[in-house]
C-alpha cells in the first residue's frame, strides 16, 4: 500500500494550493478517503472526507467553504483544493485510507 501526497508549499494568506494523493496497492475506488492535518503541538484534525464514489463529502467547520475534496478513481488520485488559506491552516497534511494506510504527509505553510 502506498499513499503519496504532493502539492504542499508556502503561500501567503489568501492564497491557494491543491494537494494530491496518489494511491496504489489497494482498490482505491472501493475506499472512502480522508484528509487529515497536524500542526506542531496540536492533535490530528480531520479536514475532509469523501465516499468511495465521490458522491458525498464532509468538512471540518474550520475549512467549510474554503476547501474542496475530490477524487478521480480512474487515476487513483485524491485531491484537496484549498482556497483563501489562513495562517491557522499551516500543518502537515496527510491522506488516509481508513483501515488501510496513511501517507507521509506534505507540509503547508501559510505566512505573510
N, C-alpha and C. Protein backbone atom coordinates (compact mmCIF):
# COMPACT_ATOMS: atom_id res chain seq x y z
N UNK A 1 0.85 -1.19 0.00
CA UNK A 1 0.00 0.00 0.00
C UNK A 1 0.89 1.24 0.00
N UNK A 2 0.58 2.14 -0.91
CA UNK A 2 1.30 3.41 -0.94
C UNK A 2 0.31 4.55 -1.13
N UNK A 3 0.52 5.60 -0.36
CA UNK A 3 -0.23 6.84 -0.50
C UNK A 3 0.81 7.96 -0.52
N UNK A 4 0.89 8.68 -1.61
CA UNK A 4 1.94 9.68 -1.78
C UNK A 4 1.31 11.04 -2.04
N UNK A 5 1.49 11.93 -1.07
CA UNK A 5 0.95 13.28 -1.19
C UNK A 5 1.94 14.20 -1.89
N UNK A 6 1.40 15.21 -2.53
CA UNK A 6 2.22 16.26 -3.14
C UNK A 6 1.40 17.53 -3.22
N UNK A 7 2.07 18.63 -3.55
CA UNK A 7 1.37 19.88 -3.75
C UNK A 7 1.48 20.87 -2.61
N UNK A 8 2.09 20.46 -1.51
CA UNK A 8 2.26 21.39 -0.41
C UNK A 8 3.26 22.49 -0.76
N UNK A 9 3.36 23.46 0.12
CA UNK A 9 4.30 24.55 -0.10
C UNK A 9 4.01 25.71 0.81
N UNK A 10 4.62 26.83 0.49
CA UNK A 10 4.46 28.06 1.27
C UNK A 10 3.67 29.07 0.46
N UNK A 11 2.64 29.62 1.06
CA UNK A 11 1.81 30.63 0.39
C UNK A 11 1.48 31.74 1.37
N UNK A 12 1.08 32.86 0.83
CA UNK A 12 0.64 33.97 1.66
C UNK A 12 -0.83 33.80 2.04
N UNK A 13 -1.25 34.41 3.11
CA UNK A 13 -2.68 34.36 3.46
C UNK A 13 -3.54 34.81 2.28
N UNK A 14 -4.62 34.09 2.09
CA UNK A 14 -5.49 34.35 0.94
C UNK A 14 -5.14 33.56 -0.29
N UNK A 15 -4.00 32.89 -0.27
CA UNK A 15 -3.57 32.11 -1.41
C UNK A 15 -4.26 30.76 -1.50
N UNK A 16 -3.87 30.01 -2.53
CA UNK A 16 -4.48 28.71 -2.79
C UNK A 16 -3.42 27.65 -3.05
N UNK A 17 -3.76 26.44 -2.72
CA UNK A 17 -2.94 25.27 -3.04
C UNK A 17 -3.87 24.12 -3.35
N UNK A 18 -3.39 23.21 -4.19
CA UNK A 18 -4.10 21.96 -4.43
C UNK A 18 -3.19 20.80 -4.07
N UNK A 19 -3.63 20.01 -3.11
CA UNK A 19 -2.90 18.81 -2.72
C UNK A 19 -3.40 17.62 -3.52
N UNK A 20 -2.49 16.71 -3.82
CA UNK A 20 -2.84 15.46 -4.49
C UNK A 20 -2.32 14.30 -3.68
N UNK A 21 -2.98 13.18 -3.81
CA UNK A 21 -2.56 11.95 -3.15
C UNK A 21 -2.77 10.81 -4.13
N UNK A 22 -1.68 10.20 -4.56
CA UNK A 22 -1.76 9.08 -5.48
C UNK A 22 -1.69 7.79 -4.69
N UNK A 23 -2.66 6.92 -4.91
CA UNK A 23 -2.78 5.68 -4.16
C UNK A 23 -2.42 4.49 -5.02
N UNK A 24 -1.84 3.48 -4.37
CA UNK A 24 -1.55 2.21 -5.06
C UNK A 24 -1.53 1.09 -4.04
N UNK A 25 -1.71 -0.12 -4.54
CA UNK A 25 -1.62 -1.28 -3.67
C UNK A 25 -2.92 -1.72 -3.03
N UNK A 26 -3.99 -1.02 -3.33
CA UNK A 26 -5.31 -1.41 -2.84
C UNK A 26 -6.34 -0.88 -3.84
N UNK A 27 -7.58 -1.29 -3.65
CA UNK A 27 -8.64 -0.88 -4.57
C UNK A 27 -9.13 0.50 -4.17
N UNK A 28 -8.51 1.51 -4.75
CA UNK A 28 -8.80 2.90 -4.38
C UNK A 28 -10.28 3.22 -4.56
N UNK A 29 -10.86 2.75 -5.63
CA UNK A 29 -12.24 3.11 -5.94
C UNK A 29 -13.24 2.53 -4.95
N UNK A 30 -12.81 1.60 -4.12
CA UNK A 30 -13.69 0.98 -3.14
C UNK A 30 -13.53 1.59 -1.75
N UNK A 31 -12.63 2.52 -1.61
CA UNK A 31 -12.31 3.05 -0.28
C UNK A 31 -12.72 4.51 -0.13
N UNK A 32 -13.46 4.79 0.96
CA UNK A 32 -13.59 6.18 1.35
C UNK A 32 -12.19 6.72 1.66
N UNK A 33 -12.04 8.03 1.56
CA UNK A 33 -10.73 8.63 1.79
C UNK A 33 -10.86 9.87 2.66
N UNK A 34 -9.81 10.13 3.41
CA UNK A 34 -9.80 11.29 4.30
C UNK A 34 -8.56 12.13 4.05
N UNK A 35 -8.67 13.40 4.36
CA UNK A 35 -7.52 14.29 4.54
C UNK A 35 -7.48 14.70 6.01
N UNK A 36 -6.33 14.49 6.61
CA UNK A 36 -6.08 14.95 7.97
C UNK A 36 -4.98 16.01 7.93
N UNK A 37 -4.86 16.75 9.01
CA UNK A 37 -3.73 17.65 9.17
C UNK A 37 -3.29 17.66 10.62
N UNK A 38 -2.03 17.98 10.81
CA UNK A 38 -1.50 18.10 12.16
C UNK A 38 -0.48 19.22 12.20
N UNK A 39 -0.76 20.18 13.06
CA UNK A 39 0.15 21.30 13.27
C UNK A 39 1.04 21.01 14.47
N UNK A 40 2.20 21.64 14.54
CA UNK A 40 3.11 21.41 15.68
C UNK A 40 2.42 21.66 17.01
N UNK A 41 2.53 20.70 17.92
CA UNK A 41 1.95 20.86 19.24
C UNK A 41 0.45 20.64 19.32
N UNK A 42 -0.16 20.24 18.18
CA UNK A 42 -1.61 20.04 18.17
C UNK A 42 -1.93 18.62 17.76
N UNK A 43 -3.14 18.22 18.06
CA UNK A 43 -3.58 16.88 17.68
C UNK A 43 -3.94 16.79 16.22
N UNK A 44 -4.15 15.58 15.76
CA UNK A 44 -4.55 15.38 14.37
C UNK A 44 -6.00 15.80 14.18
N UNK A 45 -6.26 16.48 13.08
CA UNK A 45 -7.60 17.00 12.80
C UNK A 45 -8.08 16.45 11.46
N UNK A 46 -9.28 15.91 11.45
CA UNK A 46 -9.90 15.50 10.19
C UNK A 46 -10.34 16.75 9.45
N UNK A 47 -9.81 16.95 8.26
CA UNK A 47 -10.11 18.14 7.47
C UNK A 47 -11.28 17.89 6.53
N UNK A 48 -11.24 16.75 5.84
CA UNK A 48 -12.28 16.45 4.85
C UNK A 48 -12.32 14.95 4.62
N UNK A 49 -13.48 14.48 4.21
CA UNK A 49 -13.66 13.07 3.90
C UNK A 49 -14.55 12.96 2.67
N UNK A 50 -14.37 11.87 1.94
CA UNK A 50 -15.15 11.67 0.72
C UNK A 50 -15.46 10.19 0.60
N UNK A 51 -16.65 9.89 0.12
CA UNK A 51 -17.04 8.50 -0.06
C UNK A 51 -16.30 7.88 -1.24
N UNK A 52 -16.41 6.57 -1.36
CA UNK A 52 -15.66 5.87 -2.41
C UNK A 52 -16.05 6.34 -3.81
N UNK A 53 -17.32 6.63 -4.00
CA UNK A 53 -17.79 7.08 -5.31
C UNK A 53 -17.64 8.59 -5.50
N UNK A 54 -17.28 9.27 -4.42
CA UNK A 54 -17.14 10.72 -4.50
C UNK A 54 -18.44 11.47 -4.46
N UNK A 55 -19.51 10.81 -4.03
CA UNK A 55 -20.82 11.45 -4.08
C UNK A 55 -21.23 12.08 -2.77
N UNK A 56 -20.38 11.99 -1.78
CA UNK A 56 -20.69 12.63 -0.51
C UNK A 56 -19.38 13.06 0.15
N UNK A 57 -19.41 14.25 0.73
CA UNK A 57 -18.23 14.79 1.39
C UNK A 57 -18.60 15.41 2.72
N UNK A 58 -17.63 15.48 3.60
CA UNK A 58 -17.78 16.21 4.85
C UNK A 58 -16.52 17.04 5.08
N UNK A 59 -16.69 18.12 5.84
CA UNK A 59 -15.58 19.04 6.10
C UNK A 59 -15.57 19.46 7.56
N UNK A 60 -14.39 19.73 8.05
CA UNK A 60 -14.28 20.38 9.35
C UNK A 60 -14.88 21.78 9.25
N UNK A 61 -15.48 22.24 10.33
CA UNK A 61 -16.09 23.56 10.31
C UNK A 61 -15.07 24.64 9.94
N UNK A 62 -13.83 24.43 10.34
CA UNK A 62 -12.79 25.44 10.13
C UNK A 62 -12.43 25.63 8.66
N UNK A 63 -12.81 24.68 7.79
CA UNK A 63 -12.42 24.78 6.39
C UNK A 63 -13.62 24.84 5.45
N UNK A 64 -14.82 24.71 5.98
CA UNK A 64 -16.02 24.74 5.13
C UNK A 64 -16.08 26.02 4.31
N UNK A 65 -16.38 25.85 3.04
CA UNK A 65 -16.47 26.99 2.15
C UNK A 65 -15.14 27.41 1.56
N UNK A 66 -14.05 26.86 2.06
CA UNK A 66 -12.72 27.22 1.55
C UNK A 66 -12.01 26.02 0.90
N UNK A 67 -12.24 24.83 1.42
CA UNK A 67 -11.58 23.62 0.93
C UNK A 67 -12.58 22.75 0.18
N UNK A 68 -12.10 22.05 -0.83
CA UNK A 68 -12.92 21.10 -1.57
C UNK A 68 -12.14 19.81 -1.78
N UNK A 69 -12.74 18.71 -1.34
CA UNK A 69 -12.14 17.39 -1.55
C UNK A 69 -12.79 16.75 -2.77
N UNK A 70 -11.98 16.08 -3.56
CA UNK A 70 -12.49 15.38 -4.74
C UNK A 70 -11.58 14.20 -5.03
N UNK A 71 -12.01 13.38 -5.96
CA UNK A 71 -11.21 12.21 -6.32
C UNK A 71 -11.43 11.86 -7.78
N UNK A 72 -10.42 11.21 -8.34
CA UNK A 72 -10.50 10.67 -9.69
C UNK A 72 -10.17 9.19 -9.57
N UNK A 73 -11.18 8.35 -9.55
CA UNK A 73 -10.94 6.92 -9.35
C UNK A 73 -10.21 6.30 -10.54
N UNK A 74 -10.34 6.87 -11.70
CA UNK A 74 -9.62 6.35 -12.87
C UNK A 74 -8.11 6.58 -12.73
N UNK A 75 -7.74 7.60 -11.96
CA UNK A 75 -6.32 7.93 -11.77
C UNK A 75 -5.83 7.56 -10.39
N UNK A 76 -6.69 6.92 -9.59
CA UNK A 76 -6.31 6.55 -8.21
C UNK A 76 -5.77 7.75 -7.44
N UNK A 77 -6.42 8.88 -7.60
CA UNK A 77 -5.91 10.11 -7.02
C UNK A 77 -6.98 10.85 -6.22
N UNK A 78 -6.57 11.32 -5.08
CA UNK A 78 -7.40 12.13 -4.19
C UNK A 78 -6.86 13.56 -4.22
N UNK A 79 -7.76 14.53 -4.15
CA UNK A 79 -7.35 15.93 -4.21
C UNK A 79 -7.92 16.71 -3.03
N UNK A 80 -7.24 17.81 -2.70
CA UNK A 80 -7.77 18.77 -1.75
C UNK A 80 -7.45 20.16 -2.29
N UNK A 81 -8.48 20.83 -2.78
CA UNK A 81 -8.33 22.20 -3.25
C UNK A 81 -8.51 23.12 -2.05
N UNK A 82 -7.52 23.95 -1.78
CA UNK A 82 -7.55 24.82 -0.62
C UNK A 82 -7.48 26.27 -1.08
N UNK A 83 -8.52 27.02 -0.79
CA UNK A 83 -8.58 28.43 -1.18
C UNK A 83 -8.63 29.32 0.05
N UNK A 84 -8.32 30.59 -0.16
CA UNK A 84 -8.37 31.56 0.93
C UNK A 84 -7.66 31.04 2.18
N UNK A 85 -6.45 30.58 2.00
CA UNK A 85 -5.71 29.97 3.10
C UNK A 85 -5.39 30.98 4.19
N UNK A 86 -5.39 30.48 5.40
CA UNK A 86 -5.14 31.28 6.60
C UNK A 86 -3.92 30.72 7.32
N UNK A 87 -3.24 31.54 8.11
CA UNK A 87 -2.08 31.02 8.86
C UNK A 87 -2.43 29.79 9.70
N UNK A 88 -3.67 29.75 10.19
CA UNK A 88 -4.10 28.61 11.01
C UNK A 88 -4.20 27.31 10.22
N UNK A 89 -4.12 27.39 8.90
CA UNK A 89 -4.15 26.19 8.07
C UNK A 89 -2.77 25.54 7.96
N UNK A 90 -1.74 26.20 8.46
CA UNK A 90 -0.39 25.65 8.39
C UNK A 90 -0.32 24.34 9.16
N UNK A 91 0.15 23.30 8.50
CA UNK A 91 0.20 21.97 9.11
C UNK A 91 0.79 20.99 8.10
N UNK A 92 1.04 19.79 8.56
CA UNK A 92 1.33 18.69 7.65
C UNK A 92 0.00 18.03 7.30
N UNK A 93 -0.25 17.87 6.03
CA UNK A 93 -1.50 17.30 5.54
C UNK A 93 -1.24 15.86 5.08
N UNK A 94 -2.13 14.97 5.53
CA UNK A 94 -1.99 13.55 5.22
C UNK A 94 -3.25 13.05 4.52
N UNK A 95 -3.08 12.19 3.53
CA UNK A 95 -4.23 11.47 3.03
C UNK A 95 -4.29 10.12 3.74
N UNK A 96 -5.48 9.64 3.90
CA UNK A 96 -5.70 8.45 4.73
C UNK A 96 -6.78 7.58 4.10
N UNK A 97 -6.48 6.30 4.00
CA UNK A 97 -7.48 5.33 3.59
C UNK A 97 -7.85 4.54 4.84
N UNK A 98 -9.06 4.68 5.33
CA UNK A 98 -9.43 4.07 6.61
C UNK A 98 -9.13 2.57 6.65
N UNK A 99 -8.44 2.16 7.71
CA UNK A 99 -8.09 0.76 7.97
C UNK A 99 -7.12 0.20 6.93
N UNK A 100 -6.56 1.08 6.11
CA UNK A 100 -5.62 0.62 5.09
C UNK A 100 -4.25 1.26 5.27
N UNK A 101 -4.22 2.57 5.32
CA UNK A 101 -2.93 3.22 5.48
C UNK A 101 -3.01 4.72 5.35
N UNK A 102 -1.87 5.36 5.54
CA UNK A 102 -1.77 6.81 5.51
C UNK A 102 -0.48 7.19 4.82
N UNK A 103 -0.50 8.34 4.15
CA UNK A 103 0.70 8.81 3.50
C UNK A 103 1.68 9.46 4.47
N UNK A 104 2.81 9.90 3.94
CA UNK A 104 3.85 10.52 4.75
C UNK A 104 3.57 11.99 5.03
N UNK A 105 2.69 12.56 4.25
CA UNK A 105 2.32 13.95 4.51
C UNK A 105 3.03 14.95 3.62
N UNK A 106 2.41 16.10 3.49
CA UNK A 106 3.01 17.22 2.76
C UNK A 106 2.79 18.49 3.57
N UNK A 107 3.82 19.30 3.66
CA UNK A 107 3.78 20.49 4.52
C UNK A 107 3.10 21.65 3.80
N UNK A 108 2.20 22.28 4.50
CA UNK A 108 1.57 23.52 4.03
C UNK A 108 1.88 24.61 5.03
N UNK A 109 2.46 25.70 4.55
CA UNK A 109 2.79 26.83 5.41
C UNK A 109 2.15 28.09 4.84
N UNK A 110 1.36 28.75 5.67
CA UNK A 110 0.68 29.97 5.26
C UNK A 110 1.22 31.11 6.12
N UNK A 111 1.91 32.02 5.49
CA UNK A 111 2.56 33.08 6.24
C UNK A 111 2.79 34.29 5.35
N UNK A 112 2.69 35.45 5.97
CA UNK A 112 2.97 36.67 5.23
C UNK A 112 4.45 37.05 5.35
